[in-house]
PDB file of all heavy atoms in Angstrom:
ATOM      1  N   VAL A   1       3.009   6.137   4.033  1.00  0.00           N
ATOM      2  CA  VAL A   1       2.544   5.629   2.743  1.00  0.00           C
ATOM      3  C   VAL A   1       3.133   6.473   1.628  1.00  0.00           C
ATOM      4  O   VAL A   1       3.117   7.708   1.673  1.00  0.00           O
ATOM      5  CB  VAL A   1       1.009   5.641   2.667  1.00  0.00           C
ATOM      6  CG1 VAL A   1       0.540   5.116   1.297  1.00  0.00           C
ATOM      7  CG2 VAL A   1       0.422   4.799   3.780  1.00  0.00           C
ATOM      8  N   SER A   2       3.669   5.808   0.601  1.00  0.00           N
ATOM      9  CA  SER A   2       4.265   6.492  -0.531  1.00  0.00           C
ATOM     10  C   SER A   2       3.225   6.770  -1.607  1.00  0.00           C
ATOM     11  O   SER A   2       2.363   5.922  -1.895  1.00  0.00           O
ATOM     12  CB  SER A   2       5.398   5.636  -1.112  1.00  0.00           C
ATOM     13  OG  SER A   2       5.842   6.158  -2.324  1.00  0.00           O
ATOM     14  N   LYS A   3       3.270   7.956  -2.220  1.00  0.00           N
ATOM     15  CA  LYS A   3       2.334   8.336  -3.307  1.00  0.00           C
ATOM     16  C   LYS A   3       2.535   7.439  -4.519  1.00  0.00           C
ATOM     17  O   LYS A   3       1.571   7.096  -5.220  1.00  0.00           O
ATOM     18  CB  LYS A   3       2.563   9.801  -3.685  1.00  0.00           C
ATOM     19  CG  LYS A   3       1.567  10.336  -4.720  1.00  0.00           C
ATOM     20  CD  LYS A   3       1.831  11.805  -4.980  1.00  0.00           C
ATOM     21  CE  LYS A   3       0.772  12.337  -5.963  1.00  0.00           C
ATOM     22  NZ  LYS A   3       0.752  11.624  -7.250  1.00  0.00           N
ATOM     23  N   ASP A   4       3.810   7.012  -4.770  1.00  0.00           N
ATOM     24  CA  ASP A   4       4.063   6.132  -5.916  1.00  0.00           C
ATOM     25  C   ASP A   4       3.340   4.803  -5.775  1.00  0.00           C
ATOM     26  O   ASP A   4       2.839   4.240  -6.754  1.00  0.00           O
ATOM     27  CB  ASP A   4       5.569   5.891  -6.059  1.00  0.00           C
ATOM     28  CG  ASP A   4       6.314   7.170  -6.428  1.00  0.00           C
ATOM     29  OD1 ASP A   4       5.683   8.086  -6.979  1.00  0.00           O
ATOM     30  OD2 ASP A   4       7.537   7.237  -6.144  1.00  0.00           O
ATOM     31  N   VAL A   5       3.294   4.288  -4.526  1.00  0.00           N
ATOM     32  CA  VAL A   5       2.586   3.032  -4.274  1.00  0.00           C
ATOM     33  C   VAL A   5       1.089   3.194  -4.538  1.00  0.00           C
ATOM     34  O   VAL A   5       0.444   2.351  -5.177  1.00  0.00           O
ATOM     35  CB  VAL A   5       2.848   2.569  -2.825  1.00  0.00           C
ATOM     36  CG1 VAL A   5       1.928   1.406  -2.469  1.00  0.00           C
ATOM     37  CG2 VAL A   5       4.298   2.162  -2.649  1.00  0.00           C
ATOM     38  N   ILE A   6       0.498   4.305  -4.070  1.00  0.00           N
ATOM     39  CA  ILE A   6      -0.936   4.558  -4.271  1.00  0.00           C
ATOM     40  C   ILE A   6      -1.253   4.696  -5.753  1.00  0.00           C
ATOM     41  O   ILE A   6      -2.255   4.151  -6.255  1.00  0.00           O
ATOM     42  CB  ILE A   6      -1.358   5.836  -3.513  1.00  0.00           C
ATOM     43  CG1 ILE A   6      -1.117   5.653  -2.007  1.00  0.00           C
ATOM     44  CG2 ILE A   6      -2.826   6.164  -3.767  1.00  0.00           C
ATOM     45  CD1 ILE A   6      -1.885   4.521  -1.398  1.00  0.00           C
ATOM     46  N   ASP A   7      -0.395   5.417  -6.481  1.00  0.00           N
ATOM     47  CA  ASP A   7      -0.609   5.587  -7.920  1.00  0.00           C
ATOM     48  C   ASP A   7      -0.521   4.255  -8.649  1.00  0.00           C
ATOM     49  O   ASP A   7      -1.269   4.004  -9.615  1.00  0.00           O
ATOM     50  CB  ASP A   7       0.420   6.561  -8.494  1.00  0.00           C
ATOM     51  CG  ASP A   7       0.188   7.997  -8.016  1.00  0.00           C
ATOM     52  OD1 ASP A   7      -0.948   8.290  -7.573  1.00  0.00           O
ATOM     53  OD2 ASP A   7       1.147   8.815  -8.069  1.00  0.00           O
ATOM     54  N   ALA A   8       0.384   3.382  -8.223  1.00  0.00           N
ATOM     55  CA  ALA A   8       0.523   2.069  -8.871  1.00  0.00           C
ATOM     56  C   ALA A   8      -0.717   1.218  -8.653  1.00  0.00           C
ATOM     57  O   ALA A   8      -1.186   0.524  -9.572  1.00  0.00           O
ATOM     58  CB  ALA A   8       1.764   1.355  -8.328  1.00  0.00           C
ATOM     59  N   ILE A   9      -1.279   1.260  -7.417  1.00  0.00           N
ATOM     60  CA  ILE A   9      -2.522   0.509  -7.152  1.00  0.00           C
ATOM     61  C   ILE A   9      -3.682   1.111  -7.947  1.00  0.00           C
ATOM     62  O   ILE A   9      -4.518   0.396  -8.522  1.00  0.00           O
ATOM     63  CB  ILE A   9      -2.834   0.512  -5.643  1.00  0.00           C
ATOM     64  CG1 ILE A   9      -1.729  -0.235  -4.864  1.00  0.00           C
ATOM     65  CG2 ILE A   9      -4.192  -0.134  -5.362  1.00  0.00           C
ATOM     66  CD1 ILE A   9      -1.884  -0.167  -3.363  1.00  0.00           C
ATOM     67  N   ASP A  10      -3.745   2.453  -7.993  1.00  0.00           N
ATOM     68  CA  ASP A  10      -4.824   3.149  -8.703  1.00  0.00           C
ATOM     69  C   ASP A  10      -4.781   2.845 -10.197  1.00  0.00           C
ATOM     70  O   ASP A  10      -5.837   2.741 -10.863  1.00  0.00           O
ATOM     71  CB  ASP A  10      -4.698   4.653  -8.462  1.00  0.00           C
ATOM     72  CG  ASP A  10      -5.963   5.415  -8.870  1.00  0.00           C
ATOM     73  OD1 ASP A  10      -7.052   4.791  -8.842  1.00  0.00           O
ATOM     74  OD2 ASP A  10      -5.860   6.607  -9.202  1.00  0.00           O
ATOM     75  N   ALA A  11      -3.551   2.678 -10.752  1.00  0.00           N
ATOM     76  CA  ALA A  11      -3.414   2.397 -12.181  1.00  0.00           C
ATOM     77  C   ALA A  11      -3.575   0.916 -12.492  1.00  0.00           C
ATOM     78  O   ALA A  11      -3.550   0.526 -13.662  1.00  0.00           O
ATOM     79  CB  ALA A  11      -2.048   2.871 -12.656  1.00  0.00           C
ATOM     80  N   GLY A  12      -3.757   0.083 -11.483  1.00  0.00           N
ATOM     81  CA  GLY A  12      -3.940  -1.340 -11.694  1.00  0.00           C
ATOM     82  C   GLY A  12      -2.666  -2.110 -11.906  1.00  0.00           C
ATOM     83  O   GLY A  12      -2.694  -3.290 -12.274  1.00  0.00           O
ATOM     84  N   GLU A  13      -1.525  -1.473 -11.658  1.00  0.00           N
ATOM     85  CA  GLU A  13      -0.251  -2.159 -11.836  1.00  0.00           C
ATOM     86  C   GLU A  13      -0.044  -3.223 -10.755  1.00  0.00           C
ATOM     87  O   GLU A  13       0.563  -4.272 -11.000  1.00  0.00           O
ATOM     88  CB  GLU A  13       0.887  -1.142 -11.807  1.00  0.00           C
ATOM     89  CG  GLU A  13       0.832  -0.151 -12.964  1.00  0.00           C
ATOM     90  CD  GLU A  13       1.910   0.918 -12.860  1.00  0.00           C
ATOM     91  OE1 GLU A  13       2.722   0.826 -11.896  1.00  0.00           O
ATOM     92  OE2 GLU A  13       1.957   1.823 -13.704  1.00  0.00           O
ATOM     93  N   ILE A  14      -0.507  -2.948  -9.562  1.00  0.00           N
ATOM     94  CA  ILE A  14      -0.482  -3.915  -8.448  1.00  0.00           C
ATOM     95  C   ILE A  14      -1.835  -3.891  -7.763  1.00  0.00           C
ATOM     96  O   ILE A  14      -2.541  -2.881  -7.787  1.00  0.00           O
ATOM     97  CB  ILE A  14       0.643  -3.605  -7.423  1.00  0.00           C
ATOM     98  CG1 ILE A  14       0.509  -2.179  -6.879  1.00  0.00           C
ATOM     99  CG2 ILE A  14       2.019  -3.805  -8.046  1.00  0.00           C
ATOM    100  CD1 ILE A  14       1.508  -1.829  -5.796  1.00  0.00           C
ATOM    101  N   SER A  15      -2.198  -5.033  -7.134  1.00  0.00           N
ATOM    102  CA  SER A  15      -3.502  -5.090  -6.461  1.00  0.00           C
ATOM    103  C   SER A  15      -3.423  -4.682  -4.990  1.00  0.00           C
ATOM    104  O   SER A  15      -4.417  -4.235  -4.409  1.00  0.00           O
ATOM    105  CB  SER A  15      -4.085  -6.501  -6.576  1.00  0.00           C
ATOM    106  OG  SER A  15      -3.218  -7.429  -5.927  1.00  0.00           O
ATOM    107  N   LYS A  16      -2.232  -4.846  -4.421  1.00  0.00           N
ATOM    108  CA  LYS A  16      -2.052  -4.496  -3.006  1.00  0.00           C
ATOM    109  C   LYS A  16      -0.576  -4.218  -2.754  1.00  0.00           C
ATOM    110  O   LYS A  16       0.287  -4.541  -3.565  1.00  0.00           O
ATOM    111  CB  LYS A  16      -2.538  -5.615  -2.102  1.00  0.00           C
ATOM    112  CG  LYS A  16      -1.803  -6.935  -2.333  1.00  0.00           C
ATOM    113  CD  LYS A  16      -2.409  -8.052  -1.511  1.00  0.00           C
ATOM    114  CE  LYS A  16      -1.694  -9.383  -1.848  1.00  0.00           C
ATOM    115  NZ  LYS A  16      -2.278 -10.514  -1.105  1.00  0.00           N
ATOM    116  N   TYR A  17      -0.306  -3.650  -1.617  1.00  0.00           N
ATOM    117  CA  TYR A  17       1.087  -3.334  -1.258  1.00  0.00           C
ATOM    118  C   TYR A  17       1.264  -3.493   0.250  1.00  0.00           C
ATOM    119  O   TYR A  17       0.400  -3.111   1.042  1.00  0.00           O
ATOM    120  CB  TYR A  17       1.448  -1.902  -1.664  1.00  0.00           C
ATOM    121  CG  TYR A  17       2.819  -1.496  -1.149  1.00  0.00           C
ATOM    122  CD1 TYR A  17       3.973  -1.886  -1.821  1.00  0.00           C
ATOM    123  CD2 TYR A  17       2.941  -0.752   0.025  1.00  0.00           C
ATOM    124  CE1 TYR A  17       5.224  -1.548  -1.331  1.00  0.00           C
ATOM    125  CE2 TYR A  17       4.190  -0.413   0.518  1.00  0.00           C
ATOM    126  CZ  TYR A  17       5.331  -0.820  -0.164  1.00  0.00           C
ATOM    127  OH  TYR A  17       6.558  -0.495   0.333  1.00  0.00           O
ATOM    128  N   TYR A  18       2.424  -4.081   0.616  1.00  0.00           N
ATOM    129  CA  TYR A  18       2.853  -4.097   2.025  1.00  0.00           C
ATOM    130  C   TYR A  18       4.384  -4.086   2.034  1.00  0.00           C
ATOM    131  O   TYR A  18       5.018  -4.625   1.117  1.00  0.00           O
ATOM    132  CB  TYR A  18       2.314  -5.300   2.798  1.00  0.00           C
ATOM    133  CG  TYR A  18       2.561  -6.628   2.135  1.00  0.00           C
ATOM    134  CD1 TYR A  18       3.768  -7.307   2.318  1.00  0.00           C
ATOM    135  CD2 TYR A  18       1.587  -7.219   1.331  1.00  0.00           C
ATOM    136  CE1 TYR A  18       3.996  -8.522   1.708  1.00  0.00           C
ATOM    137  CE2 TYR A  18       1.810  -8.434   0.718  1.00  0.00           C
ATOM    138  CZ  TYR A  18       3.014  -9.086   0.908  1.00  0.00           C
ATOM    139  OH  TYR A  18       3.242 -10.292   0.305  1.00  0.00           O
ATOM    140  N   PRO A  19       5.010  -3.444   3.023  1.00  0.00           N
ATOM    141  CA  PRO A  19       6.481  -3.371   3.080  1.00  0.00           C
ATOM    142  C   PRO A  19       7.087  -4.769   3.195  1.00  0.00           C
ATOM    143  O   PRO A  19       6.461  -5.699   3.707  1.00  0.00           O
ATOM    144  CB  PRO A  19       6.755  -2.539   4.334  1.00  0.00           C
ATOM    145  CG  PRO A  19       5.479  -1.808   4.602  1.00  0.00           C
ATOM    146  CD  PRO A  19       4.374  -2.696   4.127  1.00  0.00           C
ATOM    147  N   GLU A  20       8.302  -4.892   2.697  1.00  0.00           N
ATOM    148  CA  GLU A  20       8.993  -6.181   2.747  1.00  0.00           C
ATOM    149  C   GLU A  20       9.417  -6.565   4.167  1.00  0.00           C
ATOM    150  O   GLU A  20       9.750  -7.707   4.431  1.00  0.00           O
ATOM    151  CB  GLU A  20      10.215  -6.150   1.828  1.00  0.00           C
ATOM    152  CG  GLU A  20       9.858  -6.003   0.359  1.00  0.00           C
ATOM    153  CD  GLU A  20      11.086  -6.010  -0.538  1.00  0.00           C
ATOM    154  OE1 GLU A  20      12.203  -6.117   0.022  1.00  0.00           O
ATOM    155  OE2 GLU A  20      10.931  -5.915  -1.753  1.00  0.00           O
ATOM    156  N   LYS A  21       9.448  -5.607   5.054  1.00  0.00           N
ATOM    157  CA  LYS A  21       9.769  -5.870   6.463  1.00  0.00           C
ATOM    158  C   LYS A  21       9.228  -4.719   7.296  1.00  0.00           C
ATOM    159  O   LYS A  21       8.732  -3.724   6.770  1.00  0.00           O
ATOM    160  CB  LYS A  21      11.279  -6.004   6.669  1.00  0.00           C
ATOM    161  CG  LYS A  21      12.067  -4.769   6.276  1.00  0.00           C
ATOM    162  CD  LYS A  21      13.551  -4.997   6.491  1.00  0.00           C
ATOM    163  CE  LYS A  21      14.342  -3.739   6.093  1.00  0.00           C
ATOM    164  NZ  LYS A  21      15.784  -3.918   6.312  1.00  0.00           N
ATOM    165  N   PHE A  22       9.364  -4.868   8.639  1.00  0.00           N
ATOM    166  CA  PHE A  22       8.965  -3.768   9.509  1.00  0.00           C
ATOM    167  C   PHE A  22       9.842  -2.565   9.207  1.00  0.00           C
ATOM    168  O   PHE A  22      11.064  -2.685   9.098  1.00  0.00           O
ATOM    169  CB  PHE A  22       9.116  -4.155  10.984  1.00  0.00           C
ATOM    170  CG  PHE A  22       8.096  -5.147  11.450  1.00  0.00           C
ATOM    171  CD1 PHE A  22       8.423  -6.476  11.606  1.00  0.00           C
ATOM    172  CD2 PHE A  22       6.810  -4.735  11.719  1.00  0.00           C
ATOM    173  CE1 PHE A  22       7.475  -7.392  12.049  1.00  0.00           C
ATOM    174  CE2 PHE A  22       5.861  -5.645  12.160  1.00  0.00           C
ATOM    175  CZ  PHE A  22       6.194  -6.976  12.320  1.00  0.00           C
ATOM    176  N   ILE A  23       9.203  -1.409   9.052  1.00  0.00           N
ATOM    177  CA  ILE A  23       9.954  -0.218   8.658  1.00  0.00           C
ATOM    178  C   ILE A  23       9.829   0.861   9.715  1.00  0.00           C
ATOM    179  O   ILE A  23       8.943   0.828  10.569  1.00  0.00           O
ATOM    180  CB  ILE A  23       9.471   0.325   7.292  1.00  0.00           C
ATOM    181  CG1 ILE A  23       7.986   0.709   7.377  1.00  0.00           C
ATOM    182  CG2 ILE A  23       9.683  -0.682   6.195  1.00  0.00           C
ATOM    183  CD1 ILE A  23       7.480   1.427   6.145  1.00  0.00           C
ATOM    184  N   HIS A  24      10.771   1.829   9.621  1.00  0.00           N
ATOM    185  CA  HIS A  24      10.810   2.978  10.510  1.00  0.00           C
ATOM    186  C   HIS A  24      11.043   2.534  11.957  1.00  0.00           C
ATOM    187  O   HIS A  24      11.042   1.356  12.285  1.00  0.00           O
ATOM    188  CB  HIS A  24       9.553   3.824  10.377  1.00  0.00           C
ATOM    189  CG  HIS A  24       9.383   4.405   8.992  1.00  0.00           C
ATOM    190  ND1 HIS A  24      10.127   5.449   8.537  1.00  0.00           N
ATOM    191  CD2 HIS A  24       8.551   4.058   7.968  1.00  0.00           C
ATOM    192  CE1 HIS A  24       9.775   5.740   7.289  1.00  0.00           C
ATOM    193  NE2 HIS A  24       8.812   4.907   6.916  1.00  0.00           N
ATOM    194  N   ARG A  25      11.193   3.493  12.775  1.00  0.00           N
ATOM    195  CA  ARG A  25      11.484   3.193  14.182  1.00  0.00           C
ATOM    196  C   ARG A  25      10.262   2.624  14.897  1.00  0.00           C
ATOM    197  O   ARG A  25      10.363   1.996  15.926  1.00  0.00           O
ATOM    198  CB  ARG A  25      11.977   4.462  14.896  1.00  0.00           C
ATOM    199  CG  ARG A  25      13.336   4.930  14.370  1.00  0.00           C
ATOM    200  CD  ARG A  25      13.812   6.142  15.109  1.00  0.00           C
ATOM    201  NE  ARG A  25      15.110   6.577  14.605  1.00  0.00           N
ATOM    202  CZ  ARG A  25      15.765   7.641  15.042  1.00  0.00           C
ATOM    203  NH1 ARG A  25      15.220   8.410  15.984  1.00  0.00           N
ATOM    204  NH2 ARG A  25      16.938   7.964  14.538  1.00  0.00           N
ATOM    205  N   LYS A  26       9.095   2.909  14.357  1.00  0.00           N
ATOM    206  CA  LYS A  26       7.874   2.364  14.963  1.00  0.00           C
ATOM    207  C   LYS A  26       7.638   0.921  14.549  1.00  0.00           C
ATOM    208  O   LYS A  26       6.656   0.316  14.955  1.00  0.00           O
ATOM    209  CB  LYS A  26       6.676   3.205  14.555  1.00  0.00           C
ATOM    210  CG  LYS A  26       6.736   4.647  15.054  1.00  0.00           C
ATOM    211  CD  LYS A  26       5.498   5.390  14.616  1.00  0.00           C
ATOM    212  CE  LYS A  26       5.525   6.839  15.137  1.00  0.00           C
ATOM    213  NZ  LYS A  26       4.332   7.609  14.723  1.00  0.00           N
ATOM    214  N   MET A  27       8.531   0.389  13.706  1.00  0.00           N
ATOM    215  CA  MET A  27       8.403  -0.986  13.208  1.00  0.00           C
ATOM    216  C   MET A  27       7.044  -1.195  12.552  1.00  0.00           C
ATOM    217  O   MET A  27       6.311  -2.126  12.850  1.00  0.00           O
ATOM    218  CB  MET A  27       8.635  -1.995  14.345  1.00  0.00           C
ATOM    219  CG  MET A  27      10.049  -1.966  14.896  1.00  0.00           C
ATOM    220  SD  MET A  27      10.330  -3.141  16.195  1.00  0.00           S
ATOM    221  CE  MET A  27       9.325  -2.443  17.498  1.00  0.00           C
ATOM    222  N   SER A  28       6.672  -0.270  11.663  1.00  0.00           N
ATOM    223  CA  SER A  28       5.349  -0.301  11.032  1.00  0.00           C
ATOM    224  C   SER A  28       5.240  -1.435  10.023  1.00  0.00           C
ATOM    225  O   SER A  28       6.171  -1.719   9.289  1.00  0.00           O
ATOM    226  CB  SER A  28       5.059   1.028  10.323  1.00  0.00           C
ATOM    227  OG  SER A  28       5.116   2.096  11.249  1.00  0.00           O
ATOM    228  N   LEU A  29       4.069  -2.044   9.961  1.00  0.00           N
ATOM    229  CA  LEU A  29       3.710  -3.013   8.940  1.00  0.00           C
ATOM    230  C   LEU A  29       2.255  -2.762   8.569  1.00  0.00           C
ATOM    231  O   LEU A  29       1.394  -2.688   9.456  1.00  0.00           O
ATOM    232  CB  LEU A  29       3.899  -4.434   9.456  1.00  0.00           C
ATOM    233  CG  LEU A  29       3.536  -5.553   8.460  1.00  0.00           C
ATOM    234  CD1 LEU A  29       4.447  -5.497   7.247  1.00  0.00           C
ATOM    235  CD2 LEU A  29       3.604  -6.913   9.130  1.00  0.00           C
ATOM    236  N   TYR A  30       2.016  -2.612   7.313  1.00  0.00           N
ATOM    237  CA  TYR A  30       0.645  -2.304   6.880  1.00  0.00           C
ATOM    238  C   TYR A  30       0.399  -2.910   5.515  1.00  0.00           C
ATOM    239  O   TYR A  30       1.325  -3.318   4.819  1.00  0.00           O
ATOM    240  CB  TYR A  30       0.430  -0.791   6.841  1.00  0.00           C
ATOM    241  CG  TYR A  30       1.372  -0.054   5.921  1.00  0.00           C
ATOM    242  CD1 TYR A  30       1.072   0.104   4.569  1.00  0.00           C
ATOM    243  CD2 TYR A  30       2.574   0.477   6.402  1.00  0.00           C
ATOM    244  CE1 TYR A  30       1.946   0.770   3.716  1.00  0.00           C
ATOM    245  CE2 TYR A  30       3.446   1.145   5.556  1.00  0.00           C
ATOM    246  CZ  TYR A  30       3.133   1.279   4.215  1.00  0.00           C
ATOM    247  OH  TYR A  30       3.984   1.938   3.378  1.00  0.00           O
ATOM    248  N   LEU A  31      -0.902  -2.946   5.132  1.00  0.00           N
ATOM    249  CA  LEU A  31      -1.313  -3.428   3.816  1.00  0.00           C
ATOM    250  C   LEU A  31      -2.309  -2.435   3.238  1.00  0.00           C
ATOM    251  O   LEU A  31      -3.260  -2.020   3.915  1.00  0.00           O
ATOM    252  CB  LEU A  31      -1.932  -4.813   3.920  1.00  0.00           C
ATOM    253  CG  LEU A  31      -2.310  -5.504   2.586  1.00  0.00           C
ATOM    254  CD1 LEU A  31      -2.106  -6.998   2.694  1.00  0.00           C
ATOM    255  CD2 LEU A  31      -3.750  -5.197   2.177  1.00  0.00           C
ATOM    256  N   ILE A  32      -2.075  -2.049   1.985  1.00  0.00           N
ATOM    257  CA  ILE A  32      -2.963  -1.106   1.295  1.00  0.00           C
ATOM    258  C   ILE A  32      -3.543  -1.796   0.062  1.00  0.00           C
ATOM    259  O   ILE A  32      -2.810  -2.430  -0.704  1.00  0.00           O
ATOM    260  CB  ILE A  32      -2.203   0.165   0.869  1.00  0.00           C
ATOM    261  CG1 ILE A  32      -1.630   0.881   2.101  1.00  0.00           C
ATOM    262  CG2 ILE A  32      -3.126   1.111   0.102  1.00  0.00           C
ATOM    263  CD1 ILE A  32      -0.739   2.035   1.760  1.00  0.00           C
ATOM    264  N   THR A  33      -4.857  -1.655  -0.136  1.00  0.00           N
ATOM    265  CA  THR A  33      -5.531  -2.211  -1.309  1.00  0.00           C
ATOM    266  C   THR A  33      -6.835  -1.443  -1.530  1.00  0.00           C
ATOM    267  O   THR A  33      -7.120  -0.465  -0.803  1.00  0.00           O
ATOM    268  CB  THR A  33      -5.789  -3.717  -1.133  1.00  0.00           C
ATOM    269  OG1 THR A  33      -6.272  -4.246  -2.368  1.00  0.00           O
ATOM    270  CG2 THR A  33      -6.783  -3.979  -0.016  1.00  0.00           C
ATOM    271  N   ARG A  34      -7.605  -1.899  -2.527  1.00  0.00           N
ATOM    272  CA  ARG A  34      -8.909  -1.288  -2.792  1.00  0.00           C
ATOM    273  C   ARG A  34      -9.981  -2.369  -2.759  1.00  0.00           C
ATOM    274  O   ARG A  34      -9.815  -3.444  -3.328  1.00  0.00           O
ATOM    275  CB  ARG A  34      -8.920  -0.603  -4.158  1.00  0.00           C
ATOM    276  CG  ARG A  34      -7.961   0.582  -4.217  1.00  0.00           C
ATOM    277  CD  ARG A  34      -8.086   1.319  -5.530  1.00  0.00           C
ATOM    278  NE  ARG A  34      -9.382   1.998  -5.622  1.00  0.00           N
ATOM    279  CZ  ARG A  34      -9.721   2.769  -6.643  1.00  0.00           C
ATOM    280  NH1 ARG A  34      -8.875   2.964  -7.666  1.00  0.00           N
ATOM    281  NH2 ARG A  34     -10.913   3.345  -6.671  1.00  0.00           N
ATOM    282  N   ILE A  35     -11.097  -2.022  -2.060  1.00  0.00           N
ATOM    283  CA  ILE A  35     -12.265  -2.910  -2.011  1.00  0.00           C
ATOM    284  C   ILE A  35     -13.495  -2.064  -2.377  1.00  0.00           C
ATOM    285  O   ILE A  35     -13.806  -1.094  -1.662  1.00  0.00           O
ATOM    286  CB  ILE A  35     -12.463  -3.539  -0.622  1.00  0.00           C
ATOM    287  CG1 ILE A  35     -11.212  -4.327  -0.220  1.00  0.00           C
ATOM    288  CG2 ILE A  35     -13.690  -4.445  -0.601  1.00  0.00           C
ATOM    289  CD1 ILE A  35     -11.285  -4.902   1.175  1.00  0.00           C
ATOM    290  N   ASP A  36     -14.173  -2.438  -3.484  1.00  0.00           N
ATOM    291  CA  ASP A  36     -15.382  -1.709  -3.931  1.00  0.00           C
ATOM    292  C   ASP A  36     -15.105  -0.222  -4.074  1.00  0.00           C
ATOM    293  O   ASP A  36     -15.819   0.638  -3.514  1.00  0.00           O
ATOM    294  CB  ASP A  36     -16.553  -1.937  -2.955  1.00  0.00           C
ATOM    295  CG  ASP A  36     -17.010  -3.389  -2.923  1.00  0.00           C
ATOM    296  OD1 ASP A  36     -16.684  -4.127  -3.879  1.00  0.00           O
ATOM    297  OD2 ASP A  36     -17.650  -3.777  -1.934  1.00  0.00           O
ATOM    298  N   GLU A  37     -14.026   0.100  -4.754  1.00  0.00           N
ATOM    299  CA  GLU A  37     -13.664   1.471  -5.070  1.00  0.00           C
ATOM    300  C   GLU A  37     -13.244   2.299  -3.850  1.00  0.00           C
ATOM    301  O   GLU A  37     -13.057   3.513  -3.945  1.00  0.00           O
ATOM    302  CB  GLU A  37     -14.818   2.214  -5.789  1.00  0.00           C
ATOM    303  CG  GLU A  37     -15.275   1.555  -7.072  1.00  0.00           C
ATOM    304  CD  GLU A  37     -14.154   1.459  -8.088  1.00  0.00           C
ATOM    305  OE1 GLU A  37     -13.332   2.394  -8.168  1.00  0.00           O
ATOM    306  OE2 GLU A  37     -14.072   0.422  -8.797  1.00  0.00           O
ATOM    307  N   LYS A  38     -13.075   1.657  -2.734  1.00  0.00           N
ATOM    308  CA  LYS A  38     -12.644   2.387  -1.540  1.00  0.00           C
ATOM    309  C   LYS A  38     -11.241   1.917  -1.165  1.00  0.00           C
ATOM    310  O   LYS A  38     -10.890   0.750  -1.321  1.00  0.00           O
ATOM    311  CB  LYS A  38     -13.610   2.157  -0.382  1.00  0.00           C
ATOM    312  CG  LYS A  38     -14.967   2.823  -0.608  1.00  0.00           C
ATOM    313  CD  LYS A  38     -15.821   2.736   0.631  1.00  0.00           C
ATOM    314  CE  LYS A  38     -17.154   3.478   0.399  1.00  0.00           C
ATOM    315  NZ  LYS A  38     -18.010   3.443   1.589  1.00  0.00           N
ATOM    316  N   TRP A  39     -10.493   2.880  -0.666  1.00  0.00           N
ATOM    317  CA  TRP A  39      -9.130   2.574  -0.231  1.00  0.00           C
ATOM    318  C   TRP A  39      -9.151   2.003   1.186  1.00  0.00           C
ATOM    319  O   TRP A  39      -9.815   2.531   2.064  1.00  0.00           O
ATOM    320  CB  TRP A  39      -8.267   3.835  -0.274  1.00  0.00           C
ATOM    321  CG  TRP A  39      -8.038   4.333  -1.672  1.00  0.00           C
ATOM    322  CD1 TRP A  39      -8.796   5.234  -2.340  1.00  0.00           C
ATOM    323  CD2 TRP A  39      -7.000   3.933  -2.545  1.00  0.00           C
ATOM    324  NE1 TRP A  39      -8.310   5.449  -3.595  1.00  0.00           N
ATOM    325  CE2 TRP A  39      -7.174   4.638  -3.753  1.00  0.00           C
ATOM    326  CE3 TRP A  39      -5.916   3.047  -2.469  1.00  0.00           C
ATOM    327  CZ2 TRP A  39      -6.345   4.493  -4.852  1.00  0.00           C
ATOM    328  CZ3 TRP A  39      -5.084   2.910  -3.551  1.00  0.00           C
ATOM    329  CH2 TRP A  39      -5.292   3.615  -4.738  1.00  0.00           C
ATOM    330  N   VAL A  40      -8.389   0.922   1.359  1.00  0.00           N
ATOM    331  CA  VAL A  40      -8.358   0.237   2.663  1.00  0.00           C
ATOM    332  C   VAL A  40      -6.900   0.163   3.158  1.00  0.00           C
ATOM    333  O   VAL A  40      -5.995  -0.196   2.401  1.00  0.00           O
ATOM    334  CB  VAL A  40      -8.936  -1.183   2.577  1.00  0.00           C
ATOM    335  CG1 VAL A  40      -8.943  -1.838   3.957  1.00  0.00           C
ATOM    336  CG2 VAL A  40     -10.321  -1.163   1.980  1.00  0.00           C
TER     337      VAL A  40
END
């Protein structure tokens, strides 16, 4: 997870984030957002 992505969600610039494709050798795919002030 990138700190820039977290800061953008925290500042309200974006509501959620997920990579455009599977990344890294582990082929990771994830979604980050906030629900009721908690990070998910």
